[in-house]
Protein backbone atom coordinates (compact mmCIF):
# COMPACT_ATOMS: atom_id res chain seq x y z
CA UNK A 1 0.00 0.00 0.00
CA UNK A 2 1.39 3.39 -1.02
CA UNK A 3 1.62 6.12 1.62
CA UNK A 4 -0.42 9.25 0.99
CA UNK A 5 1.36 12.49 0.24
CA UNK A 6 0.45 16.09 0.95
CA UNK A 7 2.19 19.42 1.23
CA UNK A 8 1.58 23.02 2.15
CA UNK A 9 2.95 25.69 -0.17
CA UNK A 10 3.15 29.33 0.82
CA UNK A 11 1.48 31.42 -1.90
CA UNK A 12 2.15 34.82 -0.33
CA UNK A 13 2.56 36.30 3.15
CA UNK A 14 -0.90 35.21 4.27
CA UNK A 15 -2.04 32.47 1.89
CA UNK A 16 -1.12 28.77 1.95
CA UNK A 17 -2.14 26.07 -0.54
CA UNK A 18 -2.65 22.51 0.67
CA UNK A 19 -2.33 19.80 -1.96
CA UNK A 20 -2.61 16.03 -1.94
CA UNK A 21 -4.33 13.80 0.60
CA UNK A 22 -5.30 15.06 4.03
CA UNK A 23 -5.67 11.83 5.97
CA UNK A 24 -4.36 10.00 9.01
CA UNK A 25 -0.92 9.47 7.48
CA UNK A 26 -0.39 13.08 6.33
CA UNK A 27 -2.03 15.12 9.08
CA UNK A 28 0.91 15.03 11.54
CA UNK A 29 3.28 16.53 8.96
CA UNK A 30 0.67 19.00 7.67
CA UNK A 31 0.01 20.11 11.24
CA UNK A 32 3.72 20.74 11.82
CA UNK A 33 3.97 22.74 8.60
CA UNK A 34 0.92 24.90 9.21
CA UNK A 35 1.75 25.34 12.91
CA UNK A 36 5.13 26.69 11.85
CA UNK A 37 3.52 29.14 9.45
CA UNK A 38 1.02 30.29 12.08
CA UNK A 39 3.70 30.61 14.78
CA UNK A 40 5.82 32.81 12.52
CA UNK A 41 2.87 34.72 11.11
CA UNK A 42 2.63 38.46 11.49
CA UNK A 43 -0.21 39.31 9.11
CA UNK A 44 -0.02 42.84 7.79
CA UNK A 45 -2.81 45.11 9.01
CA UNK A 46 -4.54 42.21 10.75
CA UNK A 47 -5.18 40.45 7.44
CA UNK A 48 -6.32 36.85 7.93
CA UNK A 49 -4.24 33.81 7.18
CA UNK A 50 -5.96 31.90 4.37
CA UNK A 51 -5.58 28.17 3.83
CA UNK A 52 -6.67 27.12 0.34
CA UNK A 53 -7.86 23.52 0.14
CA UNK A 54 -8.61 23.55 -3.60
CA UNK A 55 -5.83 21.06 -4.39
CA UNK A 56 -6.82 18.49 -1.75
CA UNK A 57 -7.64 15.40 -3.77
CA UNK A 58 -8.53 13.07 -0.91
CA UNK A 59 -9.51 13.50 2.74
CA UNK A 60 -11.20 11.82 5.67
CA UNK A 61 -12.14 12.67 9.26
CA UNK A 62 -8.49 13.41 10.03
CA UNK A 63 -8.85 16.51 7.83
CA UNK A 64 -11.62 17.80 10.08
CA UNK A 65 -9.54 17.24 13.22
CA UNK A 66 -6.59 18.96 11.51
CA UNK A 67 -8.71 21.98 10.63
CA UNK A 68 -10.09 22.29 14.17
CA UNK A 69 -6.56 22.15 15.59
CA UNK A 70 -5.37 24.85 13.19
CA UNK A 71 -8.27 27.06 14.26
CA UNK A 72 -7.32 26.48 17.91
CA UNK A 73 -3.68 27.40 17.26
CA UNK A 74 -4.66 30.55 15.36
CA UNK A 75 -6.96 31.62 18.19
CA UNK A 76 -4.11 31.21 20.70
CA UNK A 77 -2.02 33.63 18.62
CA UNK A 78 -5.01 35.94 18.05
CA UNK A 79 -4.69 35.45 14.27
CA UNK A 80 -7.73 35.55 12.00
CA UNK A 81 -7.81 32.42 9.87
CA UNK A 82 -9.99 31.22 7.01
CA UNK A 83 -10.19 28.14 4.83
CA UNK A 84 -11.05 28.41 1.15
CA UNK A 85 -12.47 25.71 -1.11
CA UNK A 86 -13.62 23.33 1.61
CA UNK A 87 -13.82 19.79 0.19
CA UNK A 88 -17.35 18.39 0.16
CA UNK A 89 -16.15 15.35 2.12
CA UNK A 90 -15.05 17.54 5.03
CA UNK A 91 -18.37 19.36 5.01
CA UNK A 92 -20.24 16.04 5.13
CA UNK A 93 -18.07 14.73 7.97
CA UNK A 94 -18.45 18.00 9.91
CA UNK A 95 -22.22 17.74 9.57
CA UNK A 96 -22.15 14.13 10.80
CA UNK A 97 -20.12 15.17 13.86
CA UNK A 98 -22.29 18.20 14.56
CA UNK A 99 -19.54 20.78 13.97
CA UNK A 100 -20.55 22.03 10.53
CA UNK A 101 -21.51 25.46 11.89
CA UNK A 102 -18.11 25.86 13.58
CA UNK A 103 -16.24 24.85 10.42
CA UNK A 104 -18.36 27.07 8.16
CA UNK A 105 -17.55 30.02 10.45
CA UNK A 106 -13.94 29.70 9.28
CA UNK A 107 -14.66 29.20 5.58
CA UNK A 108 -14.90 31.65 2.73
PDB file of N, CA and C in Angstrom:
ATOM      1  N   UNK A   1       0.843  -1.179   0.000  1.00  0.00           N
ATOM      2  CA  UNK A   1       0.000   0.000   0.000  1.00  0.00           C
ATOM      3  C   UNK A   1       0.889   1.245   0.000  1.00  0.00           C
ATOM      4  N   UNK A   2       0.594   2.167  -0.893  1.00  0.00           N
ATOM      5  CA  UNK A   2       1.389   3.388  -1.023  1.00  0.00           C
ATOM      6  C   UNK A   2       0.947   4.428   0.013  1.00  0.00           C
ATOM      7  N   UNK A   3       1.910   5.093   0.625  1.00  0.00           N
ATOM      8  CA  UNK A   3       1.620   6.118   1.616  1.00  0.00           C
ATOM      9  C   UNK A   3       1.114   7.382   0.921  1.00  0.00           C
ATOM     10  N   UNK A   4       0.128   8.004   1.516  1.00  0.00           N
ATOM     11  CA  UNK A   4      -0.423   9.254   0.989  1.00  0.00           C
ATOM     12  C   UNK A   4       0.621  10.358   1.088  1.00  0.00           C
ATOM     13  N   UNK A   5       0.466  11.342   0.220  1.00  0.00           N
ATOM     14  CA  UNK A   5       1.363  12.488   0.242  1.00  0.00           C
ATOM     15  C   UNK A   5       0.544  13.771   0.233  1.00  0.00           C
ATOM     16  N   UNK A   6       1.078  14.769   0.909  1.00  0.00           N
ATOM     17  CA  UNK A   6       0.449  16.092   0.947  1.00  0.00           C
ATOM     18  C   UNK A   6       1.522  17.116   1.265  1.00  0.00           C
ATOM     19  N   UNK A   7       1.254  18.350   0.883  1.00  0.00           N
ATOM     20  CA  UNK A   7       2.187  19.423   1.230  1.00  0.00           C
ATOM     21  C   UNK A   7       1.445  20.745   1.334  1.00  0.00           C
ATOM     22  N   UNK A   8       2.094  21.661   2.014  1.00  0.00           N
ATOM     23  CA  UNK A   8       1.584  23.021   2.151  1.00  0.00           C
ATOM     24  C   UNK A   8       2.596  23.933   1.464  1.00  0.00           C
ATOM     25  N   UNK A   9       2.102  24.761   0.560  1.00  0.00           N
ATOM     26  CA  UNK A   9       2.954  25.694  -0.167  1.00  0.00           C
ATOM     27  C   UNK A   9       2.515  27.110   0.153  1.00  0.00           C
ATOM     28  N   UNK A  10       3.465  27.938   0.536  1.00  0.00           N
ATOM     29  CA  UNK A  10       3.149  29.332   0.819  1.00  0.00           C
ATOM     30  C   UNK A  10       2.971  30.075  -0.504  1.00  0.00           C
ATOM     31  N   UNK A  11       1.801  30.692  -0.683  1.00  0.00           N
ATOM     32  CA  UNK A  11       1.485  31.420  -1.905  1.00  0.00           C
ATOM     33  C   UNK A  11       1.906  32.890  -1.801  1.00  0.00           C
ATOM     34  N   UNK A  12       1.698  33.458  -0.638  1.00  0.00           N
ATOM     35  CA  UNK A  12       2.150  34.819  -0.330  1.00  0.00           C
ATOM     36  C   UNK A  12       2.218  34.932   1.184  1.00  0.00           C
ATOM     37  N   UNK A  13       2.356  36.132   1.703  1.00  0.00           N
ATOM     38  CA  UNK A  13       2.561  36.301   3.149  1.00  0.00           C
ATOM     39  C   UNK A  13       1.441  35.703   3.988  1.00  0.00           C
ATOM     40  N   UNK A  14       0.224  35.684   3.468  1.00  0.00           N
ATOM     41  CA  UNK A  14      -0.895  35.209   4.266  1.00  0.00           C
ATOM     42  C   UNK A  14      -1.656  34.036   3.677  1.00  0.00           C
ATOM     43  N   UNK A  15      -1.267  33.531   2.524  1.00  0.00           N
ATOM     44  CA  UNK A  15      -2.038  32.465   1.888  1.00  0.00           C
ATOM     45  C   UNK A  15      -1.182  31.217   1.687  1.00  0.00           C
ATOM     46  N   UNK A  16      -1.781  30.061   2.037  1.00  0.00           N
ATOM     47  CA  UNK A  16      -1.117  28.771   1.947  1.00  0.00           C
ATOM     48  C   UNK A  16      -2.003  27.799   1.180  1.00  0.00           C
ATOM     49  N   UNK A  17      -1.422  27.037   0.276  1.00  0.00           N
ATOM     50  CA  UNK A  17      -2.136  26.070  -0.537  1.00  0.00           C
ATOM     51  C   UNK A  17      -1.796  24.664  -0.058  1.00  0.00           C
ATOM     52  N   UNK A  18      -2.829  23.897   0.259  1.00  0.00           N
ATOM     53  CA  UNK A  18      -2.652  22.511   0.672  1.00  0.00           C
ATOM     54  C   UNK A  18      -2.973  21.639  -0.540  1.00  0.00           C
ATOM     55  N   UNK A  19      -2.083  20.701  -0.831  1.00  0.00           N
ATOM     56  CA  UNK A  19      -2.328  19.801  -1.956  1.00  0.00           C
ATOM     57  C   UNK A  19      -2.077  18.361  -1.536  1.00  0.00           C
ATOM     58  N   UNK A  20      -2.770  17.451  -2.219  1.00  0.00           N
ATOM     59  CA  UNK A  20      -2.613  16.033  -1.937  1.00  0.00           C
ATOM     60  C   UNK A  20      -3.706  15.510  -1.028  1.00  0.00           C
ATOM     61  N   UNK A  21      -3.383  14.462  -0.293  1.00  0.00           N
ATOM     62  CA  UNK A  21      -4.331  13.798   0.598  1.00  0.00           C
ATOM     63  C   UNK A  21      -4.188  14.323   2.024  1.00  0.00           C
ATOM     64  N   UNK A  22      -5.300  14.655   2.623  1.00  0.00           N
ATOM     65  CA  UNK A  22      -5.303  15.062   4.032  1.00  0.00           C
ATOM     66  C   UNK A  22      -5.984  13.923   4.782  1.00  0.00           C
ATOM     67  N   UNK A  23      -5.157  13.025   5.312  1.00  0.00           N
ATOM     68  CA  UNK A  23      -5.672  11.834   5.970  1.00  0.00           C
ATOM     69  C   UNK A  23      -4.806  11.502   7.193  1.00  0.00           C
ATOM     70  N   UNK A  24      -5.064  10.354   7.774  1.00  0.00           N
ATOM     71  CA  UNK A  24      -4.363   9.998   9.006  1.00  0.00           C
ATOM     72  C   UNK A  24      -2.847   9.923   8.843  1.00  0.00           C
ATOM     73  N   UNK A  25      -2.367   9.577   7.665  1.00  0.00           N
ATOM     74  CA  UNK A  25      -0.916   9.471   7.478  1.00  0.00           C
ATOM     75  C   UNK A  25      -0.252  10.814   7.196  1.00  0.00           C
ATOM     76  N   UNK A  26      -0.997  11.794   6.683  1.00  0.00           N
ATOM     77  CA  UNK A  26      -0.390  13.084   6.330  1.00  0.00           C
ATOM     78  C   UNK A  26      -0.642  14.193   7.341  1.00  0.00           C
ATOM     79  N   UNK A  27      -1.670  14.048   8.148  1.00  0.00           N
ATOM     80  CA  UNK A  27      -2.031  15.122   9.083  1.00  0.00           C
ATOM     81  C   UNK A  27      -0.906  15.510  10.045  1.00  0.00           C
ATOM     82  N   UNK A  28      -0.160  14.580  10.628  1.00  0.00           N
ATOM     83  CA  UNK A  28       0.905  15.026  11.540  1.00  0.00           C
ATOM     84  C   UNK A  28       1.900  15.982  10.877  1.00  0.00           C
ATOM     85  N   UNK A  29       2.335  15.657   9.658  1.00  0.00           N
ATOM     86  CA  UNK A  29       3.278  16.529   8.960  1.00  0.00           C
ATOM     87  C   UNK A  29       2.619  17.842   8.553  1.00  0.00           C
ATOM     88  N   UNK A  30       1.391  17.770   8.053  1.00  0.00           N
ATOM     89  CA  UNK A  30       0.673  19.001   7.674  1.00  0.00           C
ATOM     90  C   UNK A  30       0.478  19.909   8.884  1.00  0.00           C
ATOM     91  N   UNK A  31       0.195  19.320  10.026  1.00  0.00           N
ATOM     92  CA  UNK A  31       0.014  20.110  11.244  1.00  0.00           C
ATOM     93  C   UNK A  31       1.309  20.812  11.630  1.00  0.00           C
ATOM     94  N   UNK A  32       2.420  20.117  11.529  1.00  0.00           N
ATOM     95  CA  UNK A  32       3.719  20.739  11.822  1.00  0.00           C
ATOM     96  C   UNK A  32       3.981  21.903  10.862  1.00  0.00           C
ATOM     97  N   UNK A  33       3.722  21.686   9.580  1.00  0.00           N
ATOM     98  CA  UNK A  33       3.965  22.742   8.595  1.00  0.00           C
ATOM     99  C   UNK A  33       3.111  23.973   8.866  1.00  0.00           C
ATOM    100  N   UNK A  34       1.819  23.766   9.015  1.00  0.00           N
ATOM    101  CA  UNK A  34       0.918  24.901   9.212  1.00  0.00           C
ATOM    102  C   UNK A  34       1.148  25.555  10.568  1.00  0.00           C
ATOM    103  N   UNK A  35       1.446  24.773  11.592  1.00  0.00           N
ATOM    104  CA  UNK A  35       1.755  25.345  12.910  1.00  0.00           C
ATOM    105  C   UNK A  35       2.952  26.270  12.819  1.00  0.00           C
ATOM    106  N   UNK A  36       3.955  25.852  12.049  1.00  0.00           N
ATOM    107  CA  UNK A  36       5.132  26.694  11.855  1.00  0.00           C
ATOM    108  C   UNK A  36       4.790  27.995  11.166  1.00  0.00           C
ATOM    109  N   UNK A  37       3.944  27.931  10.158  1.00  0.00           N
ATOM    110  CA  UNK A  37       3.525  29.143   9.451  1.00  0.00           C
ATOM    111  C   UNK A  37       2.744  30.068  10.388  1.00  0.00           C
ATOM    112  N   UNK A  38       1.836  29.480  11.163  1.00  0.00           N
ATOM    113  CA  UNK A  38       1.024  30.293  12.078  1.00  0.00           C
ATOM    114  C   UNK A  38       1.901  30.891  13.168  1.00  0.00           C
ATOM    115  N   UNK A  39       2.824  30.106  13.717  1.00  0.00           N
ATOM    116  CA  UNK A  39       3.703  30.609  14.775  1.00  0.00           C
ATOM    117  C   UNK A  39       4.548  31.780  14.304  1.00  0.00           C
ATOM    118  N   UNK A  40       4.982  31.742  13.063  1.00  0.00           N
ATOM    119  CA  UNK A  40       5.819  32.809  12.524  1.00  0.00           C
ATOM    120  C   UNK A  40       5.033  33.894  11.815  1.00  0.00           C
ATOM    121  N   UNK A  41       3.712  33.796  11.862  1.00  0.00           N
ATOM    122  CA  UNK A  41       2.874  34.722  11.112  1.00  0.00           C
ATOM    123  C   UNK A  41       2.723  36.064  11.816  1.00  0.00           C
ATOM    124  N   UNK A  42       2.872  37.100  11.035  1.00  0.00           N
ATOM    125  CA  UNK A  42       2.632  38.457  11.493  1.00  0.00           C
ATOM    126  C   UNK A  42       1.844  39.152  10.384  1.00  0.00           C
ATOM    127  N   UNK A  43       0.569  38.769  10.217  1.00  0.00           N
ATOM    128  CA  UNK A  43      -0.210  39.308   9.110  1.00  0.00           C
ATOM    129  C   UNK A  43      -0.240  40.831   9.106  1.00  0.00           C
ATOM    130  N   UNK A  44       0.001  41.390   7.951  1.00  0.00           N
ATOM    131  CA  UNK A  44      -0.018  42.843   7.785  1.00  0.00           C
ATOM    132  C   UNK A  44      -1.426  43.376   8.001  1.00  0.00           C
ATOM    133  N   UNK A  45      -1.524  44.430   8.776  1.00  0.00           N
ATOM    134  CA  UNK A  45      -2.811  45.107   9.011  1.00  0.00           C
ATOM    135  C   UNK A  45      -3.910  44.169   9.497  1.00  0.00           C
ATOM    136  N   UNK A  46      -3.537  43.127  10.223  1.00  0.00           N
ATOM    137  CA  UNK A  46      -4.540  42.206  10.750  1.00  0.00           C
ATOM    138  C   UNK A  46      -5.209  41.353   9.690  1.00  0.00           C
ATOM    139  N   UNK A  47      -4.610  41.269   8.505  1.00  0.00           N
ATOM    140  CA  UNK A  47      -5.180  40.452   7.437  1.00  0.00           C
ATOM    141  C   UNK A  47      -5.189  38.989   7.873  1.00  0.00           C
ATOM    142  N   UNK A  48      -6.239  38.254   7.507  1.00  0.00           N
ATOM    143  CA  UNK A  48      -6.317  36.852   7.932  1.00  0.00           C
ATOM    144  C   UNK A  48      -5.344  35.952   7.179  1.00  0.00           C
ATOM    145  N   UNK A  49      -4.978  34.881   7.827  1.00  0.00           N
ATOM    146  CA  UNK A  49      -4.244  33.810   7.181  1.00  0.00           C
ATOM    147  C   UNK A  49      -5.298  32.983   6.441  1.00  0.00           C
ATOM    148  N   UNK A  50      -5.015  32.653   5.192  1.00  0.00           N
ATOM    149  CA  UNK A  50      -5.964  31.895   4.372  1.00  0.00           C
ATOM    150  C   UNK A  50      -5.320  30.573   3.975  1.00  0.00           C
ATOM    151  N   UNK A  51      -6.044  29.497   4.219  1.00  0.00           N
ATOM    152  CA  UNK A  51      -5.578  28.172   3.832  1.00  0.00           C
ATOM    153  C   UNK A  51      -6.493  27.668   2.729  1.00  0.00           C
ATOM    154  N   UNK A  52      -5.929  27.535   1.535  1.00  0.00           N
ATOM    155  CA  UNK A  52      -6.670  27.123   0.345  1.00  0.00           C
ATOM    156  C   UNK A  52      -6.611  25.607   0.219  1.00  0.00           C
ATOM    157  N   UNK A  53      -7.773  24.980   0.208  1.00  0.00           N
ATOM    158  CA  UNK A  53      -7.865  23.523   0.142  1.00  0.00           C
ATOM    159  C   UNK A  53      -8.257  23.032  -1.260  1.00  0.00           C
ATOM    160  N   UNK A  54      -8.145  23.885  -2.255  1.00  0.00           N
ATOM    161  CA  UNK A  54      -8.609  23.547  -3.605  1.00  0.00           C
ATOM    162  C   UNK A  54      -7.839  22.394  -4.246  1.00  0.00           C
ATOM    163  N   UNK A  55      -6.627  22.128  -3.793  1.00  0.00           N
ATOM    164  CA  UNK A  55      -5.825  21.062  -4.391  1.00  0.00           C
ATOM    165  C   UNK A  55      -5.811  19.778  -3.551  1.00  0.00           C
ATOM    166  N   UNK A  56      -6.688  19.723  -2.545  1.00  0.00           N
ATOM    167  CA  UNK A  56      -6.819  18.491  -1.751  1.00  0.00           C
ATOM    168  C   UNK A  56      -7.602  17.499  -2.608  1.00  0.00           C
ATOM    169  N   UNK A  57      -6.986  16.367  -2.895  1.00  0.00           N
ATOM    170  CA  UNK A  57      -7.641  15.401  -3.772  1.00  0.00           C
ATOM    171  C   UNK A  57      -8.246  14.213  -3.030  1.00  0.00           C
ATOM    172  N   UNK A  58      -8.014  14.160  -1.726  1.00  0.00           N
ATOM    173  CA  UNK A  58      -8.526  13.070  -0.913  1.00  0.00           C
ATOM    174  C   UNK A  58      -8.491  13.515   0.544  1.00  0.00           C
ATOM    175  N   UNK A  59      -9.523  13.158   1.307  1.00  0.00           N
ATOM    176  CA  UNK A  59      -9.514  13.501   2.740  1.00  0.00           C
ATOM    177  C   UNK A  59     -10.476  12.593   3.485  1.00  0.00           C
ATOM    178  N   UNK A  60     -10.317  12.588   4.802  1.00  0.00           N
ATOM    179  CA  UNK A  60     -11.201  11.824   5.672  1.00  0.00           C
ATOM    180  C   UNK A  60     -11.388  12.603   6.974  1.00  0.00           C
ATOM    181  N   UNK A  61     -11.860  11.963   8.011  1.00  0.00           N
ATOM    182  CA  UNK A  61     -12.143  12.672   9.261  1.00  0.00           C
ATOM    183  C   UNK A  61     -10.889  13.292   9.881  1.00  0.00           C
ATOM    184  N   UNK A  62      -9.729  12.798   9.539  1.00  0.00           N
ATOM    185  CA  UNK A  62      -8.487  13.407  10.034  1.00  0.00           C
ATOM    186  C   UNK A  62      -8.370  14.849   9.549  1.00  0.00           C
ATOM    187  N   UNK A  63      -8.883  15.138   8.365  1.00  0.00           N
ATOM    188  CA  UNK A  63      -8.853  16.511   7.828  1.00  0.00           C
ATOM    189  C   UNK A  63      -9.660  17.446   8.720  1.00  0.00           C
ATOM    190  N   UNK A  64     -10.795  16.982   9.187  1.00  0.00           N
ATOM    191  CA  UNK A  64     -11.622  17.795  10.077  1.00  0.00           C
ATOM    192  C   UNK A  64     -10.893  18.067  11.388  1.00  0.00           C
ATOM    193  N   UNK A  65     -10.297  17.051  11.966  1.00  0.00           N
ATOM    194  CA  UNK A  65      -9.538  17.235  13.222  1.00  0.00           C
ATOM    195  C   UNK A  65      -8.378  18.197  13.002  1.00  0.00           C
ATOM    196  N   UNK A  66      -7.702  18.068  11.869  1.00  0.00           N
ATOM    197  CA  UNK A  66      -6.587  18.956  11.514  1.00  0.00           C
ATOM    198  C   UNK A  66      -7.061  20.404  11.427  1.00  0.00           C
ATOM    199  N   UNK A  67      -8.180  20.620  10.764  1.00  0.00           N
ATOM    200  CA  UNK A  67      -8.714  21.983  10.627  1.00  0.00           C
ATOM    201  C   UNK A  67      -9.072  22.573  11.989  1.00  0.00           C
ATOM    202  N   UNK A  68      -9.719  21.796  12.836  1.00  0.00           N
ATOM    203  CA  UNK A  68     -10.095  22.293  14.165  1.00  0.00           C
ATOM    204  C   UNK A  68      -8.859  22.637  14.998  1.00  0.00           C
ATOM    205  N   UNK A  69      -7.801  21.859  14.857  1.00  0.00           N
ATOM    206  CA  UNK A  69      -6.561  22.148  15.593  1.00  0.00           C
ATOM    207  C   UNK A  69      -5.899  23.419  15.059  1.00  0.00           C
ATOM    208  N   UNK A  70      -5.920  23.622  13.767  1.00  0.00           N
ATOM    209  CA  UNK A  70      -5.368  24.848  13.186  1.00  0.00           C
ATOM    210  C   UNK A  70      -6.137  26.065  13.692  1.00  0.00           C
ATOM    211  N   UNK A  71      -7.447  25.959  13.740  1.00  0.00           N
ATOM    212  CA  UNK A  71      -8.273  27.056  14.259  1.00  0.00           C
ATOM    213  C   UNK A  71      -7.882  27.351  15.704  1.00  0.00           C
ATOM    214  N   UNK A  72      -7.700  26.301  16.496  1.00  0.00           N
ATOM    215  CA  UNK A  72      -7.318  26.481  17.907  1.00  0.00           C
ATOM    216  C   UNK A  72      -5.975  27.196  18.020  1.00  0.00           C
ATOM    217  N   UNK A  73      -5.005  26.771  17.220  1.00  0.00           N
ATOM    218  CA  UNK A  73      -3.680  27.398  17.256  1.00  0.00           C
ATOM    219  C   UNK A  73      -3.739  28.870  16.836  1.00  0.00           C
ATOM    220  N   UNK A  74      -4.518  29.164  15.819  1.00  0.00           N
ATOM    221  CA  UNK A  74      -4.657  30.551  15.359  1.00  0.00           C
ATOM    222  C   UNK A  74      -5.307  31.412  16.440  1.00  0.00           C
ATOM    223  N   UNK A  75      -6.309  30.864  17.106  1.00  0.00           N
ATOM    224  CA  UNK A  75      -6.956  31.617  18.191  1.00  0.00           C
ATOM    225  C   UNK A  75      -5.962  31.942  19.305  1.00  0.00           C
ATOM    226  N   UNK A  76      -5.110  30.980  19.641  1.00  0.00           N
ATOM    227  CA  UNK A  76      -4.113  31.207  20.697  1.00  0.00           C
ATOM    228  C   UNK A  76      -3.183  32.365  20.357  1.00  0.00           C
ATOM    229  N   UNK A  77      -2.894  32.546  19.068  1.00  0.00           N
ATOM    230  CA  UNK A  77      -2.017  33.630  18.618  1.00  0.00           C
ATOM    231  C   UNK A  77      -2.812  34.873  18.218  1.00  0.00           C
ATOM    232  N   UNK A  78      -4.138  34.820  18.410  1.00  0.00           N
ATOM    233  CA  UNK A  78      -5.015  35.935  18.045  1.00  0.00           C
ATOM    234  C   UNK A  78      -4.864  36.305  16.560  1.00  0.00           C
ATOM    235  N   UNK A  79      -4.823  35.274  15.721  1.00  0.00           N
ATOM    236  CA  UNK A  79      -4.694  35.447  14.275  1.00  0.00           C
ATOM    237  C   UNK A  79      -6.003  35.032  13.617  1.00  0.00           C
ATOM    238  N   UNK A  80      -6.536  35.898  12.779  1.00  0.00           N
ATOM    239  CA  UNK A  80      -7.725  35.550  12.001  1.00  0.00           C
ATOM    240  C   UNK A  80      -7.311  34.515  10.962  1.00  0.00           C
ATOM    241  N   UNK A  81      -8.136  33.502  10.779  1.00  0.00           N
ATOM    242  CA  UNK A  81      -7.811  32.421   9.870  1.00  0.00           C
ATOM    243  C   UNK A  81      -9.059  31.983   9.122  1.00  0.00           C
ATOM    244  N   UNK A  82      -8.890  31.712   7.834  1.00  0.00           N
ATOM    245  CA  UNK A  82      -9.994  31.222   7.013  1.00  0.00           C
ATOM    246  C   UNK A  82      -9.511  30.101   6.114  1.00  0.00           C
ATOM    247  N   UNK A  83     -10.433  29.189   5.803  1.00  0.00           N
ATOM    248  CA  UNK A  83     -10.194  28.143   4.826  1.00  0.00           C
ATOM    249  C   UNK A  83     -10.965  28.491   3.568  1.00  0.00           C
ATOM    250  N   UNK A  84     -10.375  28.235   2.425  1.00  0.00           N
ATOM    251  CA  UNK A  84     -11.049  28.408   1.147  1.00  0.00           C
ATOM    252  C   UNK A  84     -11.200  27.044   0.485  1.00  0.00           C
ATOM    253  N   UNK A  85     -12.257  26.915  -0.293  1.00  0.00           N
ATOM    254  CA  UNK A  85     -12.470  25.715  -1.107  1.00  0.00           C
ATOM    255  C   UNK A  85     -12.547  24.439  -0.257  1.00  0.00           C
ATOM    256  N   UNK A  86     -13.419  24.472   0.723  1.00  0.00           N
ATOM    257  CA  UNK A  86     -13.620  23.329   1.614  1.00  0.00           C
ATOM    258  C   UNK A  86     -14.088  22.109   0.813  1.00  0.00           C
ATOM    259  N   UNK A  87     -13.375  20.988   0.903  1.00  0.00           N
ATOM    260  CA  UNK A  87     -13.822  19.787   0.192  1.00  0.00           C
ATOM    261  C   UNK A  87     -15.184  19.321   0.703  1.00  0.00           C
ATOM    262  N   UNK A  88     -16.010  18.844  -0.205  1.00  0.00           N
ATOM    263  CA  UNK A  88     -17.353  18.386   0.159  1.00  0.00           C
ATOM    264  C   UNK A  88     -17.296  17.273   1.207  1.00  0.00           C
ATOM    265  N   UNK A  89     -16.290  16.441   1.144  1.00  0.00           N
ATOM    266  CA  UNK A  89     -16.149  15.352   2.117  1.00  0.00           C
ATOM    267  C   UNK A  89     -16.012  15.899   3.536  1.00  0.00           C
ATOM    268  N   UNK A  90     -15.237  16.947   3.700  1.00  0.00           N
ATOM    269  CA  UNK A  90     -15.054  17.539   5.030  1.00  0.00           C
ATOM    270  C   UNK A  90     -16.361  18.134   5.518  1.00  0.00           C
ATOM    271  N   UNK A  91     -17.077  18.786   4.638  1.00  0.00           N
ATOM    272  CA  UNK A  91     -18.374  19.364   5.007  1.00  0.00           C
ATOM    273  C   UNK A  91     -19.339  18.268   5.468  1.00  0.00           C
ATOM    274  N   UNK A  92     -19.364  17.164   4.765  1.00  0.00           N
ATOM    275  CA  UNK A  92     -20.237  16.038   5.125  1.00  0.00           C
ATOM    276  C   UNK A  92     -19.842  15.455   6.477  1.00  0.00           C
ATOM    277  N   UNK A  93     -18.550  15.279   6.695  1.00  0.00           N
ATOM    278  CA  UNK A  93     -18.068  14.733   7.971  1.00  0.00           C
ATOM    279  C   UNK A  93     -18.375  15.699   9.112  1.00  0.00           C
ATOM    280  N   UNK A  94     -18.164  16.997   8.886  1.00  0.00           N
ATOM    281  CA  UNK A  94     -18.445  18.003   9.913  1.00  0.00           C
ATOM    282  C   UNK A  94     -19.925  17.976  10.293  1.00  0.00           C
ATOM    283  N   UNK A  95     -20.772  17.814   9.299  1.00  0.00           N
ATOM    284  CA  UNK A  95     -22.220  17.736   9.567  1.00  0.00           C
ATOM    285  C   UNK A  95     -22.533  16.499  10.404  1.00  0.00           C
ATOM    286  N   UNK A  96     -21.921  15.369  10.059  1.00  0.00           N
ATOM    287  CA  UNK A  96     -22.153  14.130  10.797  1.00  0.00           C
ATOM    288  C   UNK A  96     -21.708  14.236  12.257  1.00  0.00           C
ATOM    289  N   UNK A  97     -20.638  14.993  12.504  1.00  0.00           N
ATOM    290  CA  UNK A  97     -20.118  15.168  13.863  1.00  0.00           C
ATOM    291  C   UNK A  97     -20.739  16.358  14.598  1.00  0.00           C
ATOM    292  N   UNK A  98     -21.611  17.077  13.914  1.00  0.00           N
ATOM    293  CA  UNK A  98     -22.292  18.196  14.557  1.00  0.00           C
ATOM    294  C   UNK A  98     -21.445  19.448  14.706  1.00  0.00           C
ATOM    295  N   UNK A  99     -20.403  19.600  13.881  1.00  0.00           N
ATOM    296  CA  UNK A  99     -19.540  20.780  13.966  1.00  0.00           C
ATOM    297  C   UNK A  99     -19.526  21.575  12.658  1.00  0.00           C
ATOM    298  N   UNK A 100     -20.514  21.342  11.811  1.00  0.00           N
ATOM    299  CA  UNK A 100     -20.551  22.033  10.525  1.00  0.00           C
ATOM    300  C   UNK A 100     -20.614  23.552  10.699  1.00  0.00           C
ATOM    301  N   UNK A 101     -21.397  24.021  11.654  1.00  0.00           N
ATOM    302  CA  UNK A 101     -21.510  25.463  11.893  1.00  0.00           C
ATOM    303  C   UNK A 101     -20.152  26.057  12.274  1.00  0.00           C
ATOM    304  N   UNK A 102     -19.413  25.376  13.150  1.00  0.00           N
ATOM    305  CA  UNK A 102     -18.109  25.861  13.581  1.00  0.00           C
ATOM    306  C   UNK A 102     -17.124  25.909  12.423  1.00  0.00           C
ATOM    307  N   UNK A 103     -17.145  24.885  11.581  1.00  0.00           N
ATOM    308  CA  UNK A 103     -16.237  24.853  10.418  1.00  0.00           C
ATOM    309  C   UNK A 103     -16.627  25.919   9.421  1.00  0.00           C
ATOM    310  N   UNK A 104     -17.900  26.063   9.124  1.00  0.00           N
ATOM    311  CA  UNK A 104     -18.362  27.073   8.160  1.00  0.00           C
ATOM    312  C   UNK A 104     -18.007  28.485   8.605  1.00  0.00           C
ATOM    313  N   UNK A 105     -17.928  28.706   9.905  1.00  0.00           N
ATOM    314  CA  UNK A 105     -17.554  30.019  10.452  1.00  0.00           C
ATOM    315  C   UNK A 105     -16.158  30.426   9.989  1.00  0.00           C
ATOM    316  N   UNK A 106     -15.318  29.439   9.689  1.00  0.00           N
ATOM    317  CA  UNK A 106     -13.940  29.701   9.278  1.00  0.00           C
ATOM    318  C   UNK A 106     -13.705  29.480   7.782  1.00  0.00           C
ATOM    319  N   UNK A 107     -14.788  29.422   7.028  1.00  0.00           N
ATOM    320  CA  UNK A 107     -14.657  29.195   5.579  1.00  0.00           C
ATOM    321  C   UNK A 107     -15.133  30.417   4.793  1.00  0.00           C
ATOM    322  N   UNK A 108     -14.496  30.586   3.660  1.00  0.00           N
ATOM    323  CA  UNK A 108     -14.903  31.647   2.734  1.00  0.00           C
ATOM    324  C   UNK A 108     -15.547  31.007   1.544  1.00  0.00           C
TER     325      UNK A 108
END
